[in-house]
Structure formats: structure tokens, C-alpha cells
Protein backbone atom coordinates (compact mmCIF):
# COMPACT_ATOMS: atom_id res chain seq x y z
CA MET A 1 107.90 -17.43 70.14
CA GLY A 2 108.46 -15.46 73.29
CA VAL A 3 108.33 -12.03 71.73
CA LEU A 4 105.35 -12.99 70.04
CA ILE A 5 103.65 -13.60 73.16
CA ILE A 6 104.87 -10.20 74.64
CA LEU A 7 103.35 -8.61 71.63
CA LEU A 8 100.25 -10.05 72.22
CA MET A 9 99.97 -9.26 75.73
CA GLY A 10 100.85 -5.58 74.82
CA PHE A 11 98.33 -5.32 72.15
CA SER A 12 95.65 -6.93 74.50
CA ALA A 13 96.52 -4.75 77.43
CA GLY A 14 96.40 -1.62 75.16
CA GLY A 15 92.94 -2.42 73.96
CA ILE A 16 91.55 -3.07 77.05
CA LEU A 17 92.97 0.13 78.64
CA GLY A 18 91.54 2.12 75.63
CA ALA A 19 88.09 0.86 76.11
CA TYR A 20 88.36 1.25 80.08
CA LEU A 21 89.03 4.97 79.07
CA CYS A 22 86.31 4.93 76.81
CA VAL A 23 84.01 3.80 79.45
CA ALA A 24 85.32 6.07 82.26
CA GLY A 25 84.84 8.81 79.86
CA ALA A 26 81.37 8.20 79.09
CA GLN A 27 80.65 7.72 83.04
CA ASP A 28 82.17 11.25 83.59
CA PHE A 29 80.05 12.47 81.16
CA HIS A 30 76.91 11.03 82.54
CA ALA A 31 77.71 12.02 86.06
CA GLN A 32 78.06 15.63 84.52
CA VAL A 33 74.64 15.70 82.49
CA ILE A 34 72.82 14.43 86.00
CA SER A 35 74.78 17.39 88.10
CA GLU A 36 73.70 19.69 85.66
CA LEU A 37 70.20 18.75 85.47
CA GLU A 38 69.81 18.92 89.05
CA GLY A 39 71.68 22.23 89.32
CA SER A 40 69.58 24.09 86.86
CA ASP A 41 66.22 22.48 87.90
CA TYR A 42 65.74 20.76 84.60
CA TYR A 43 66.08 24.39 82.64
CA PRO A 44 65.46 23.49 79.13
CA LYS A 45 68.51 25.32 77.57
CA VAL A 46 71.06 23.49 79.97
CA VAL A 47 69.14 20.28 78.63
CA GLU A 48 69.63 21.26 75.23
CA ASN A 49 73.64 22.01 75.70
CA CYS A 50 73.68 18.64 77.23
CA PHE A 51 72.16 16.92 74.02
CA ALA A 52 74.53 19.15 72.02
CA ARG A 53 77.86 18.17 73.97
CA ALA A 54 76.54 14.44 73.93
CA GLY A 55 76.34 14.59 69.94
CA GLU A 56 79.73 16.13 69.65
CA ALA A 57 81.40 13.01 72.00
CA GLY A 58 79.60 10.60 70.03
CA TYR A 59 77.16 9.65 72.64
CA GLN A 60 73.06 9.39 72.47
CA LEU A 61 71.50 10.79 75.34
CA GLU A 62 67.47 10.12 76.66
CA ILE A 63 65.89 11.76 79.15
CA THR A 64 62.56 10.85 80.62
CA TYR A 65 61.19 13.33 82.97
CA TYR A 66 58.71 12.50 85.72
CA THR A 67 56.29 15.21 87.37
CA GLU A 68 54.90 15.68 90.75
CA ASN A 69 51.60 14.46 89.85
CA GLY A 70 52.78 11.20 88.19
CA GLU A 71 53.16 12.25 84.39
CA SER A 72 56.24 11.17 82.24
CA GLY A 73 57.45 12.44 79.15
CA THR A 74 60.93 11.36 77.26
CA TRP A 75 62.88 13.54 75.21
CA ASP A 76 65.80 12.47 73.01
CA GLY A 77 66.88 15.68 71.76
CA THR A 78 64.91 15.93 68.66
CA GLY A 79 61.40 17.61 68.45
CA VAL A 80 60.12 19.58 71.02
CA PHE A 81 60.25 19.43 74.60
CA PRO A 82 57.79 17.03 76.23
CA ASP A 83 54.70 18.60 76.82
CA VAL A 84 54.21 16.85 80.24
CA VAL A 85 56.40 19.34 81.63
CA GLU A 86 54.27 22.21 80.94
CA GLY A 87 53.29 23.61 84.18
CA ASN A 88 54.15 20.85 86.15
CA ARG A 89 57.18 20.62 88.36
CA ILE A 90 59.50 17.96 87.68
CA GLU A 91 60.44 15.79 90.31
CA MET A 92 62.93 13.53 88.77
CA ALA A 93 64.39 12.58 85.67
CA LYS A 94 66.00 9.16 84.32
CA VAL A 95 69.13 9.83 82.00
CA ASN A 96 70.33 7.36 79.78
CA LEU A 97 73.59 7.62 78.04
CA THR A 98 74.38 5.12 75.38
CA PHE A 99 77.77 5.22 74.14
CA PRO A 100 79.99 3.00 71.82
CA PHE A 101 82.34 0.02 73.29
CA ARG A 102 85.22 -0.99 71.10
CA ILE A 103 88.18 -3.28 71.66
CA ALA A 104 89.75 -3.17 68.14
CA PHE A 105 92.30 -5.91 68.63
CA PHE A 106 89.60 -8.45 69.82
CA GLY A 107 87.03 -7.38 67.04
CA ILE A 108 84.46 -6.19 69.75
CA GLN A 109 81.75 -3.34 68.96
CA GLN A 110 79.10 -2.96 71.04
CA GLU A 111 76.82 -0.30 72.54
CA HIS A 112 76.20 0.39 76.23
CA ILE A 113 73.79 2.35 78.14
CA LEU A 114 74.43 3.93 81.15
CA CYS A 115 71.55 4.92 83.30
CA GLY A 116 70.88 7.22 86.28
CA TYR A 117 68.56 9.40 87.77
CA ALA A 118 68.41 13.19 88.37
CA ARG A 119 66.41 14.30 91.49
């Protein structure tokens, strides 16, 4: 009986640790995207590269741009870059990163969203 409890605790701890590492990786990627947006002054090629890397990692990225005159536009990596950016200086961007959260041992499968702002 004691061995069964130890195995149960081991699998539980392994699942929780794996989920923590998944969240930590998503947080790191989210921070990198925000840093790259700020460093490139929202250059479209850098933004496209961020979307490509997010797709490779299994994440979904969505960026909402806010211009200095109050207009906004959202881009999820598909279609064309938002028209609101044309001729307007981007003041800031809201960066949403959706990532899968799984703990297989407990049967937990959810999607979580990290939200942050690039200024």
C-alpha cells in the first residue's frame, strides 16, 4: 500500500512539474515577443516572425495595436496587417498569447491566455 501511495505522489508531482515548465516556457515566450515589439518599434517583419515562432511552439498569438490618435486594430497573424497602422504612429500594443495547459495524470486540458502590453 505504501508503494502505491509513493507512486501516486511521484506521478502527481511529475505532472504538476511538467505543467509548471509549460507555463514558464509560455511566459518566457510572451516576454520575448513584447521585448521584440518594443525593440523593433512594431516593425511588420519582426511581428510576422513572432507569429511564425508562436505557431511552431503551438501557441496562438493575437496583437491589438493602439495608435497615438486613439485608433486600434487587431491582428492574429492571418490576412493583412491592420489598416489602422498605416500613417499612424503605434503608441502601444496588447499582446495575448494562448497556450495549452495539460496535466495528463489528472486529465486536465485547458487553454490559458497571457496578456501583456508593449509600449
